[in-house]
Amino acid sequence: MRRLIPPTALSTVLLTVLVSLLAGCASGPDDGPAEPDRWRPGPGIGWQWQLRGRLDTSVDVPVYDVDGFDQSEAAVAGLHDDGRKVICYLSTGAWEDWRPDAGKFPRAVLGEGNGWEGERWLDIRRTDVLEPLMEARLDMCRSKGFDAVEPDNMDGYRNRTGFPLTAADQLRYNRLIARLAHDRGLSVGLKNDLDQIPDLVDDFDFAVNEQCAQYGECARTTPFVEAGKAVFHVEYELPTSRFCADSRRLGLSSLLKKYELTAWREAC
């Protein structure tokens, strides 16, 4: 003879099962931690890029990209007060002899010059040396209140650096920089490095490109736009009449700037 469950006990059993099922739907062993709510700029957003000269905050755009060392916490806060997002420019792939932390880089990681006075490529294979130095720089960006970081010189493997860098070395280092930025709640952009965009588009929140129109390469940034991510683009030698129509078609955020990267700009 089957033992029947009393109605009240049956209700309790069913309620327990239902709660367990709902809990299983809400979370599970494969669920990872929630992704941080960091800034994610979309295609076509307006911006200003100024790395030299007294900061001109009068440009009516939602994004400013400025030097992380040269600009103060107060300058970043002022831009925020005006409703802007602010990107922290850093060189992560080359050494600059005028930076306050320049003396912390061992000579063994300094390579050939990269074409700019006072700059030398870094041996990005030496993450044991470079990771803590870059962590300190990114900590500075975070402490000043920046929303994102633009890490420069991220394509050393394509240049004569003095080191036998490979594409795999570059991918590993670029992903390290992206992870360090994300760990600090900062968005991060892939600077140039067009060949590795298909491999890195998921690791970065936006792209920054120089002179893709001059060299007929802007279409190669399309994976970022298709992923809903901004491509901040600059030309130096072409008039806007030569690239703005294509930039609008491709969804780029394009400017004409001078190599000195002062406040002067012409936007598409």
C-alpha atoms as a PDB file:
ATOM      1  CA  MET A   1       0.000   0.000   0.000  1.00  0.00           C
ATOM      2  CA  ARG A   2       1.474   3.368  -1.033  1.00  0.00           C
ATOM      3  CA  ARG A   3       1.996   5.881   1.734  1.00  0.00           C
ATOM      4  CA  LEU A   4       0.226   9.090   0.724  1.00  0.00           C
ATOM      5  CA  ILE A   5       1.790  12.496   1.445  1.00  0.00           C
ATOM      6  CA  PRO A   6      -0.612  14.702   3.405  1.00  0.00           C
ATOM      7  CA  PRO A   7      -1.753  17.832   1.482  1.00  0.00           C
ATOM      8  CA  THR A   8       0.169  20.216   3.746  1.00  0.00           C
ATOM      9  CA  ALA A   9       3.371  18.201   3.458  1.00  0.00           C
ATOM     10  CA  LEU A  10       2.887  17.958  -0.330  1.00  0.00           C
ATOM     11  CA  SER A  11       2.649  21.743  -0.574  1.00  0.00           C
ATOM     12  CA  THR A  12       5.877  22.082   1.401  1.00  0.00           C
ATOM     13  CA  VAL A  13       7.675  19.595  -0.865  1.00  0.00           C
ATOM     14  CA  LEU A  14       6.470  21.303  -4.045  1.00  0.00           C
ATOM     15  CA  LEU A  15       7.494  24.717  -2.704  1.00  0.00           C
ATOM     16  CA  THR A  16      10.971  23.430  -1.847  1.00  0.00           C
ATOM     17  CA  VAL A  17      11.391  21.946  -5.330  1.00  0.00           C
ATOM     18  CA  LEU A  18      10.192  25.170  -6.979  1.00  0.00           C
ATOM     19  CA  VAL A  19      12.617  27.307  -4.971  1.00  0.00           C
ATOM     20  CA  SER A  20      15.488  24.978  -5.871  1.00  0.00           C
ATOM     21  CA  LEU A  21      14.611  25.143  -9.553  1.00  0.00           C
ATOM     22  CA  LEU A  22      14.417  28.928  -9.512  1.00  0.00           C
ATOM     23  CA  ALA A  23      17.752  29.161  -7.725  1.00  0.00           C
ATOM     24  CA  GLY A  24      19.287  26.870 -10.336  1.00  0.00           C
ATOM     25  CA  CYS A  25      18.002  29.141 -13.109  1.00  0.00           C
ATOM     26  CA  ALA A  26      19.340  32.255 -11.422  1.00  0.00           C
ATOM     27  CA  SER A  27      22.873  30.978 -11.020  1.00  0.00           C
ATOM     28  CA  GLY A  28      24.978  27.977 -11.754  1.00  0.00           C
ATOM     29  CA  PRO A  29      28.498  26.644 -11.553  1.00  0.00           C
ATOM     30  CA  ASP A  30      29.313  28.049 -15.040  1.00  0.00           C
ATOM     31  CA  ASP A  31      28.208  31.597 -14.243  1.00  0.00           C
ATOM     32  CA  GLY A  32      31.134  34.004 -14.027  1.00  0.00           C
ATOM     33  CA  PRO A  33      31.289  37.256 -12.079  1.00  0.00           C
ATOM     34  CA  ALA A  34      29.275  40.194 -13.362  1.00  0.00           C
ATOM     35  CA  GLU A  35      31.173  42.320 -15.886  1.00  0.00           C
ATOM     36  CA  PRO A  36      32.121  45.776 -14.545  1.00  0.00           C
ATOM     37  CA  ASP A  37      30.085  48.704 -15.783  1.00  0.00           C
ATOM     38  CA  ARG A  38      32.916  50.486 -17.595  1.00  0.00           C
ATOM     39  CA  TRP A  39      32.523  53.073 -20.324  1.00  0.00           C
ATOM     40  CA  ARG A  40      32.040  51.725 -23.856  1.00  0.00           C
ATOM     41  CA  PRO A  41      32.131  54.428 -26.562  1.00  0.00           C
ATOM     42  CA  GLY A  42      30.103  53.704 -29.689  1.00  0.00           C
ATOM     43  CA  PRO A  43      30.949  54.310 -33.367  1.00  0.00           C
ATOM     44  CA  GLY A  44      30.925  57.878 -34.640  1.00  0.00           C
ATOM     45  CA  ILE A  45      31.240  59.607 -31.258  1.00  0.00           C
ATOM     46  CA  GLY A  46      32.939  63.021 -31.348  1.00  0.00           C
ATOM     47  CA  TRP A  47      36.305  63.543 -29.681  1.00  0.00           C
ATOM     48  CA  GLN A  48      39.312  65.785 -29.145  1.00  0.00           C
ATOM     49  CA  TRP A  49      42.919  64.557 -28.967  1.00  0.00           C
ATOM     50  CA  GLN A  50      45.361  66.963 -27.343  1.00  0.00           C
ATOM     51  CA  LEU A  51      48.711  65.830 -25.969  1.00  0.00           C
ATOM     52  CA  ARG A  52      50.651  69.111 -25.999  1.00  0.00           C
ATOM     53  CA  GLY A  53      50.101  72.732 -25.036  1.00  0.00           C
ATOM     54  CA  ARG A  54      47.750  74.267 -22.532  1.00  0.00           C
ATOM     55  CA  LEU A  55      44.594  72.181 -22.421  1.00  0.00           C
ATOM     56  CA  ASP A  56      41.761  73.785 -24.383  1.00  0.00           C
ATOM     57  CA  THR A  57      38.485  72.590 -22.886  1.00  0.00           C
ATOM     58  CA  SER A  58      36.273  74.628 -25.215  1.00  0.00           C
ATOM     59  CA  VAL A  59      35.851  71.976 -27.918  1.00  0.00           C
ATOM     60  CA  ASP A  60      32.222  70.823 -27.826  1.00  0.00           C
ATOM     61  CA  VAL A  61      32.693  67.058 -27.931  1.00  0.00           C
ATOM     62  CA  PRO A  62      31.832  64.273 -25.471  1.00  0.00           C
ATOM     63  CA  VAL A  63      35.328  62.695 -25.356  1.00  0.00           C
ATOM     64  CA  TYR A  64      38.784  64.114 -24.609  1.00  0.00           C
ATOM     65  CA  ASP A  65      42.013  62.115 -25.022  1.00  0.00           C
ATOM     66  CA  VAL A  66      44.840  63.782 -23.053  1.00  0.00           C
ATOM     67  CA  ASP A  67      48.278  62.958 -21.653  1.00  0.00           C
ATOM     68  CA  GLY A  68      48.024  60.907 -18.467  1.00  0.00           C
ATOM     69  CA  PHE A  69      51.185  62.301 -16.895  1.00  0.00           C
ATOM     70  CA  ASP A  70      50.742  65.936 -17.880  1.00  0.00           C
ATOM     71  CA  GLN A  71      47.103  66.410 -16.893  1.00  0.00           C
ATOM     72  CA  SER A  72      46.071  66.642 -13.263  1.00  0.00           C
ATOM     73  CA  GLU A  73      43.211  65.120 -11.324  1.00  0.00           C
ATOM     74  CA  ALA A  74      41.640  68.588 -11.271  1.00  0.00           C
ATOM     75  CA  ALA A  75      41.825  68.839 -15.072  1.00  0.00           C
ATOM     76  CA  VAL A  76      40.105  65.468 -15.449  1.00  0.00           C
ATOM     77  CA  ALA A  77      37.454  66.483 -12.909  1.00  0.00           C
ATOM     78  CA  GLY A  78      36.850  69.715 -14.811  1.00  0.00           C
ATOM     79  CA  LEU A  79      36.224  67.802 -18.017  1.00  0.00           C
ATOM     80  CA  HIS A  80      33.871  65.486 -16.145  1.00  0.00           C
ATOM     81  CA  ASP A  81      32.009  68.503 -14.789  1.00  0.00           C
ATOM     82  CA  ASP A  82      31.442  69.543 -18.399  1.00  0.00           C
ATOM     83  CA  GLY A  83      29.976  66.105 -19.159  1.00  0.00           C
ATOM     84  CA  ARG A  84      33.009  64.668 -20.948  1.00  0.00           C
ATOM     85  CA  LYS A  85      34.589  61.235 -20.772  1.00  0.00           C
ATOM     86  CA  VAL A  86      38.386  61.394 -20.518  1.00  0.00           C
ATOM     87  CA  ILE A  87      40.990  59.019 -21.986  1.00  0.00           C
ATOM     88  CA  CYS A  88      44.459  58.686 -20.426  1.00  0.00           C
ATOM     89  CA  TYR A  89      47.223  58.618 -23.038  1.00  0.00           C
ATOM     90  CA  LEU A  90      50.204  56.435 -22.063  1.00  0.00           C
ATOM     91  CA  SER A  91      53.073  54.879 -23.952  1.00  0.00           C
ATOM     92  CA  THR A  92      53.093  51.210 -23.012  1.00  0.00           C
ATOM     93  CA  GLY A  93      55.320  49.883 -25.800  1.00  0.00           C
ATOM     94  CA  ALA A  94      58.076  52.494 -25.813  1.00  0.00           C
ATOM     95  CA  TRP A  95      60.253  54.235 -23.201  1.00  0.00           C
ATOM     96  CA  GLU A  96      60.213  58.034 -22.998  1.00  0.00           C
ATOM     97  CA  ASP A  97      63.233  59.651 -21.364  1.00  0.00           C
ATOM     98  CA  TRP A  98      61.306  62.627 -19.914  1.00  0.00           C
ATOM     99  CA  ARG A  99      58.728  60.723 -17.901  1.00  0.00           C
ATOM    100  CA  PRO A 100      59.053  60.802 -14.100  1.00  0.00           C
ATOM    101  CA  ASP A 101      59.375  57.003 -13.948  1.00  0.00           C
ATOM    102  CA  ALA A 102      61.930  56.737 -16.781  1.00  0.00           C
ATOM    103  CA  GLY A 103      64.718  55.748 -14.375  1.00  0.00           C
ATOM    104  CA  LYS A 104      62.794  52.651 -13.268  1.00  0.00           C
ATOM    105  CA  PHE A 105      63.192  50.952 -16.663  1.00  0.00           C
ATOM    106  CA  PRO A 106      66.330  48.746 -16.793  1.00  0.00           C
ATOM    107  CA  ARG A 107      68.607  49.293 -19.781  1.00  0.00           C
ATOM    108  CA  ALA A 108      68.095  45.655 -20.776  1.00  0.00           C
ATOM    109  CA  VAL A 109      64.496  46.348 -21.851  1.00  0.00           C
ATOM    110  CA  LEU A 110      65.337  49.459 -23.918  1.00  0.00           C
ATOM    111  CA  GLY A 111      65.683  48.887 -27.645  1.00  0.00           C
ATOM    112  CA  GLU A 112      66.067  50.967 -30.773  1.00  0.00           C
ATOM    113  CA  GLY A 113      64.597  54.420 -31.209  1.00  0.00           C
ATOM    114  CA  ASN A 114      61.063  54.532 -32.581  1.00  0.00           C
ATOM    115  CA  GLY A 115      61.537  57.660 -34.671  1.00  0.00           C
ATOM    116  CA  TRP A 116      60.586  60.184 -31.976  1.00  0.00           C
ATOM    117  CA  GLU A 117      63.223  62.051 -29.990  1.00  0.00           C
ATOM    118  CA  GLY A 118      63.824  60.548 -26.565  1.00  0.00           C
ATOM    119  CA  GLU A 119      61.808  57.377 -27.242  1.00  0.00           C
ATOM    120  CA  ARG A 120      62.973  53.766 -27.530  1.00  0.00           C
ATOM    121  CA  TRP A 121      61.059  50.558 -28.094  1.00  0.00           C
ATOM    122  CA  LEU A 122      60.562  48.240 -25.119  1.00  0.00           C
ATOM    123  CA  ASP A 123      61.216  44.518 -24.989  1.00  0.00           C
ATOM    124  CA  ILE A 124      57.594  43.524 -24.453  1.00  0.00           C
ATOM    125  CA  ARG A 125      58.626  39.925 -23.836  1.00  0.00           C
ATOM    126  CA  ARG A 126      59.934  41.024 -20.417  1.00  0.00           C
ATOM    127  CA  THR A 127      56.595  41.187 -18.692  1.00  0.00           C
ATOM    128  CA  ASP A 128      58.334  40.362 -15.394  1.00  0.00           C
ATOM    129  CA  VAL A 129      59.856  43.843 -15.602  1.00  0.00           C
ATOM    130  CA  LEU A 130      57.177  45.752 -17.500  1.00  0.00           C
ATOM    131  CA  GLU A 131      53.998  44.531 -15.817  1.00  0.00           C
ATOM    132  CA  PRO A 132      54.601  46.256 -12.448  1.00  0.00           C
ATOM    133  CA  LEU A 133      55.703  49.446 -14.231  1.00  0.00           C
ATOM    134  CA  MET A 134      52.548  49.482 -16.346  1.00  0.00           C
ATOM    135  CA  GLU A 135      50.410  48.660 -13.311  1.00  0.00           C
ATOM    136  CA  ALA A 136      51.773  51.777 -11.620  1.00  0.00           C
ATOM    137  CA  ARG A 137      50.984  53.897 -14.669  1.00  0.00           C
ATOM    138  CA  LEU A 138      47.457  52.558 -14.899  1.00  0.00           C
ATOM    139  CA  ASP A 139      47.005  53.124 -11.174  1.00  0.00           C
ATOM    140  CA  MET A 140      47.900  56.754 -11.856  1.00  0.00           C
ATOM    141  CA  CYS A 141      45.213  56.975 -14.557  1.00  0.00           C
ATOM    142  CA  ARG A 142      42.639  55.506 -12.217  1.00  0.00           C
ATOM    143  CA  SER A 143      43.641  57.731  -9.295  1.00  0.00           C
ATOM    144  CA  LYS A 144      43.232  60.842 -11.462  1.00  0.00           C
ATOM    145  CA  GLY A 145      39.713  59.757 -12.387  1.00  0.00           C
ATOM    146  CA  PHE A 146      40.203  58.846 -16.053  1.00  0.00           C
ATOM    147  CA  ASP A 147      37.529  56.730 -17.733  1.00  0.00           C
ATOM    148  CA  ALA A 148      39.795  54.944 -20.204  1.00  0.00           C
ATOM    149  CA  VAL A 149      43.358  54.517 -21.379  1.00  0.00           C
ATOM    150  CA  GLU A 150      44.999  54.855 -24.800  1.00  0.00           C
ATOM    151  CA  PRO A 151      48.131  52.662 -24.675  1.00  0.00           C
ATOM    152  CA  ASP A 152      50.530  53.758 -27.428  1.00  0.00           C
ATOM    153  CA  ASN A 153      53.217  51.893 -29.382  1.00  0.00           C
ATOM    154  CA  MET A 154      51.313  48.612 -29.337  1.00  0.00           C
ATOM    155  CA  ASP A 155      52.720  47.252 -32.609  1.00  0.00           C
ATOM    156  CA  GLY A 156      56.436  46.931 -31.922  1.00  0.00           C
ATOM    157  CA  TYR A 157      56.622  43.522 -33.546  1.00  0.00           C
ATOM    158  CA  ARG A 158      56.051  45.243 -36.912  1.00  0.00           C
ATOM    159  CA  ASN A 159      59.015  47.563 -36.389  1.00  0.00           C
ATOM    160  CA  ARG A 160      62.777  47.424 -35.911  1.00  0.00           C
ATOM    161  CA  THR A 161      62.861  47.394 -32.147  1.00  0.00           C
ATOM    162  CA  GLY A 162      66.236  45.745 -31.524  1.00  0.00           C
ATOM    163  CA  PHE A 163      64.427  42.667 -30.198  1.00  0.00           C
ATOM    164  CA  PRO A 164      63.166  39.572 -32.084  1.00  0.00           C
ATOM    165  CA  LEU A 165      59.532  40.263 -31.287  1.00  0.00           C
ATOM    166  CA  THR A 166      56.856  38.041 -32.808  1.00  0.00           C
ATOM    167  CA  ALA A 167      53.151  38.471 -33.431  1.00  0.00           C
ATOM    168  CA  ALA A 168      52.515  36.088 -30.536  1.00  0.00           C
ATOM    169  CA  ASP A 169      54.624  38.288 -28.243  1.00  0.00           C
ATOM    170  CA  GLN A 170      52.549  41.304 -29.264  1.00  0.00           C
ATOM    171  CA  LEU A 171      49.220  39.559 -28.744  1.00  0.00           C
ATOM    172  CA  ARG A 172      50.303  38.411 -25.294  1.00  0.00           C
ATOM    173  CA  TYR A 173      51.480  41.882 -24.273  1.00  0.00           C
ATOM    174  CA  ASN A 174      48.483  43.734 -25.692  1.00  0.00           C
ATOM    175  CA  ARG A 175      46.104  41.416 -23.887  1.00  0.00           C
ATOM    176  CA  LEU A 176      48.074  41.960 -20.688  1.00  0.00           C
ATOM    177  CA  ILE A 177      47.649  45.733 -20.983  1.00  0.00           C
ATOM    178  CA  ALA A 178      43.930  45.305 -21.697  1.00  0.00           C
ATOM    179  CA  ARG A 179      43.502  43.066 -18.665  1.00  0.00           C
ATOM    180  CA  LEU A 180      45.397  45.443 -16.372  1.00  0.00           C
ATOM    181  CA  ALA A 181      43.189  48.325 -17.526  1.00  0.00           C
ATOM    182  CA  HIS A 182      39.981  46.341 -17.094  1.00  0.00           C
ATOM    183  CA  ASP A 183      41.069  45.193 -13.626  1.00  0.00           C
ATOM    184  CA  ARG A 184      41.050  48.882 -12.698  1.00  0.00           C
ATOM    185  CA  GLY A 185      37.650  49.586 -14.222  1.00  0.00           C
ATOM    186  CA  LEU A 186      39.178  51.465 -17.158  1.00  0.00           C
ATOM    187  CA  SER A 187      38.147  51.068 -20.773  1.00  0.00           C
ATOM    188  CA  VAL A 188      41.081  50.494 -23.112  1.00  0.00           C
ATOM    189  CA  GLY A 189      41.747  51.171 -26.792  1.00  0.00           C
ATOM    190  CA  LEU A 190      43.829  49.234 -29.307  1.00  0.00           C
ATOM    191  CA  LYS A 191      46.290  51.686 -30.867  1.00  0.00           C
ATOM    192  CA  ASN A 192      46.998  51.002 -34.562  1.00  0.00           C
ATOM    193  CA  ASP A 193      48.106  47.299 -34.804  1.00  0.00           C
ATOM    194  CA  LEU A 194      45.721  46.731 -37.721  1.00  0.00           C
ATOM    195  CA  ASP A 195      46.941  43.206 -38.483  1.00  0.00           C
ATOM    196  CA  GLN A 196      45.841  41.920 -35.089  1.00  0.00           C
ATOM    197  CA  ILE A 197      42.420  43.565 -34.906  1.00  0.00           C
ATOM    198  CA  PRO A 198      40.567  40.291 -35.664  1.00  0.00           C
ATOM    199  CA  ASP A 199      42.349  38.654 -32.729  1.00  0.00           C
ATOM    200  CA  LEU A 200      42.048  41.575 -30.310  1.00  0.00           C
ATOM    201  CA  VAL A 201      38.684  43.210 -31.003  1.00  0.00           C
ATOM    202  CA  ASP A 202      37.064  41.286 -28.139  1.00  0.00           C
ATOM    203  CA  ASP A 203      39.813  42.318 -25.693  1.00  0.00           C
ATOM    204  CA  PHE A 204      39.545  46.065 -26.296  1.00  0.00           C
ATOM    205  CA  ASP A 205      36.704  48.569 -25.900  1.00  0.00           C
ATOM    206  CA  PHE A 206      37.604  50.904 -28.785  1.00  0.00           C
ATOM    207  CA  ALA A 207      40.376  51.518 -31.307  1.00  0.00           C
ATOM    208  CA  VAL A 208      42.662  54.477 -32.009  1.00  0.00           C
ATOM    209  CA  ASN A 209      44.157  54.743 -35.482  1.00  0.00           C
ATOM    210  CA  GLU A 210      46.573  57.084 -37.197  1.00  0.00           C
ATOM    211  CA  GLN A 211      46.635  57.619 -40.960  1.00  0.00           C
ATOM    212  CA  CYS A 212      44.589  54.641 -42.119  1.00  0.00           C
ATOM    213  CA  ALA A 213      43.116  56.815 -44.892  1.00  0.00           C
ATOM    214  CA  GLN A 214      46.542  57.866 -46.155  1.00  0.00           C
ATOM    215  CA  TYR A 215      47.533  54.223 -46.514  1.00  0.00           C
ATOM    216  CA  GLY A 216      44.150  52.882 -47.682  1.00  0.00           C
ATOM    217  CA  GLU A 217      43.599  50.777 -44.575  1.00  0.00           C
ATOM    218  CA  CYS A 218      40.555  52.209 -42.794  1.00  0.00           C
ATOM    219  CA  ALA A 219      38.264  49.340 -43.781  1.00  0.00           C
ATOM    220  CA  ARG A 220      40.436  47.090 -41.627  1.00  0.00           C
ATOM    221  CA  THR A 221      39.012  48.773 -38.520  1.00  0.00           C
ATOM    222  CA  THR A 222      35.511  47.535 -39.418  1.00  0.00           C
ATOM    223  CA  PRO A 223      35.477  44.706 -36.817  1.00  0.00           C
ATOM    224  CA  PHE A 224      35.408  47.336 -34.064  1.00  0.00           C
ATOM    225  CA  VAL A 225      32.531  49.241 -35.654  1.00  0.00           C
ATOM    226  CA  GLU A 226      30.604  46.016 -36.278  1.00  0.00           C
ATOM    227  CA  ALA A 227      31.064  45.190 -32.592  1.00  0.00           C
ATOM    228  CA  GLY A 228      29.530  48.560 -31.664  1.00  0.00           C
ATOM    229  CA  LYS A 229      32.880  50.036 -30.594  1.00  0.00           C
ATOM    230  CA  ALA A 230      34.311  53.440 -31.502  1.00  0.00           C
ATOM    231  CA  VAL A 231      37.266  53.920 -33.826  1.00  0.00           C
ATOM    232  CA  PHE A 232      39.001  57.210 -32.998  1.00  0.00           C
ATOM    233  CA  HIS A 233      40.860  58.124 -36.196  1.00  0.00           C
ATOM    234  CA  VAL A 234      43.357  60.864 -37.076  1.00  0.00           C
ATOM    235  CA  GLU A 235      44.998  61.995 -40.296  1.00  0.00           C
ATOM    236  CA  TYR A 236      47.921  64.421 -40.467  1.00  0.00           C
ATOM    237  CA  GLU A 237      48.722  64.922 -44.149  1.00  0.00           C
ATOM    238  CA  LEU A 238      45.419  64.560 -46.025  1.00  0.00           C
ATOM    239  CA  PRO A 239      42.791  67.316 -46.207  1.00  0.00           C
ATOM    240  CA  THR A 240      39.404  66.400 -44.772  1.00  0.00           C
ATOM    241  CA  SER A 241      37.977  66.364 -48.301  1.00  0.00           C
ATOM    242  CA  ARG A 242      40.096  63.285 -48.961  1.00  0.00           C
ATOM    243  CA  PHE A 243      38.870  61.106 -46.102  1.00  0.00           C
ATOM    244  CA  CYS A 244      35.733  62.398 -44.348  1.00  0.00           C
ATOM    245  CA  ALA A 245      33.216  60.843 -46.745  1.00  0.00           C
ATOM    246  CA  ASP A 246      34.780  57.406 -46.282  1.00  0.00           C
ATOM    247  CA  SER A 247      35.050  57.970 -42.542  1.00  0.00           C
ATOM    248  CA  ARG A 248      31.330  58.661 -42.263  1.00  0.00           C
ATOM    249  CA  ARG A 249      30.545  55.605 -44.389  1.00  0.00           C
ATOM    250  CA  LEU A 250      32.736  53.399 -42.200  1.00  0.00           C
ATOM    251  CA  GLY A 251      31.458  54.859 -38.914  1.00  0.00           C
ATOM    252  CA  LEU A 252      34.797  56.321 -37.798  1.00  0.00           C
ATOM    253  CA  SER A 253      35.332  59.273 -35.451  1.00  0.00           C
ATOM    254  CA  SER A 254      37.796  61.163 -37.648  1.00  0.00           C
ATOM    255  CA  LEU A 255      39.913  64.279 -37.173  1.00  0.00           C
ATOM    256  CA  LEU A 256      42.600  66.148 -39.050  1.00  0.00           C
ATOM    257  CA  LYS A 257      45.386  67.056 -36.628  1.00  0.00           C
ATOM    258  CA  LYS A 258      48.940  68.361 -36.745  1.00  0.00           C
ATOM    259  CA  TYR A 259      51.757  66.043 -35.697  1.00  0.00           C
ATOM    260  CA  GLU A 260      52.367  68.142 -32.580  1.00  0.00           C
ATOM    261  CA  LEU A 261      48.885  67.179 -31.313  1.00  0.00           C
ATOM    262  CA  THR A 262      48.090  70.576 -29.863  1.00  0.00           C
ATOM    263  CA  ALA A 263      44.502  71.805 -29.579  1.00  0.00           C
ATOM    264  CA  TRP A 264      44.092  72.547 -33.307  1.00  0.00           C
ATOM    265  CA  ARG A 265      41.705  70.200 -35.110  1.00  0.00           C
ATOM    266  CA  GLU A 266      39.352  69.821 -38.048  1.00  0.00           C
ATOM    267  CA  ALA A 267      36.593  67.290 -37.578  1.00  0.00           C
ATOM    268  CA  CYS A 268      34.631  65.382 -40.193  1.00  0.00           C
END
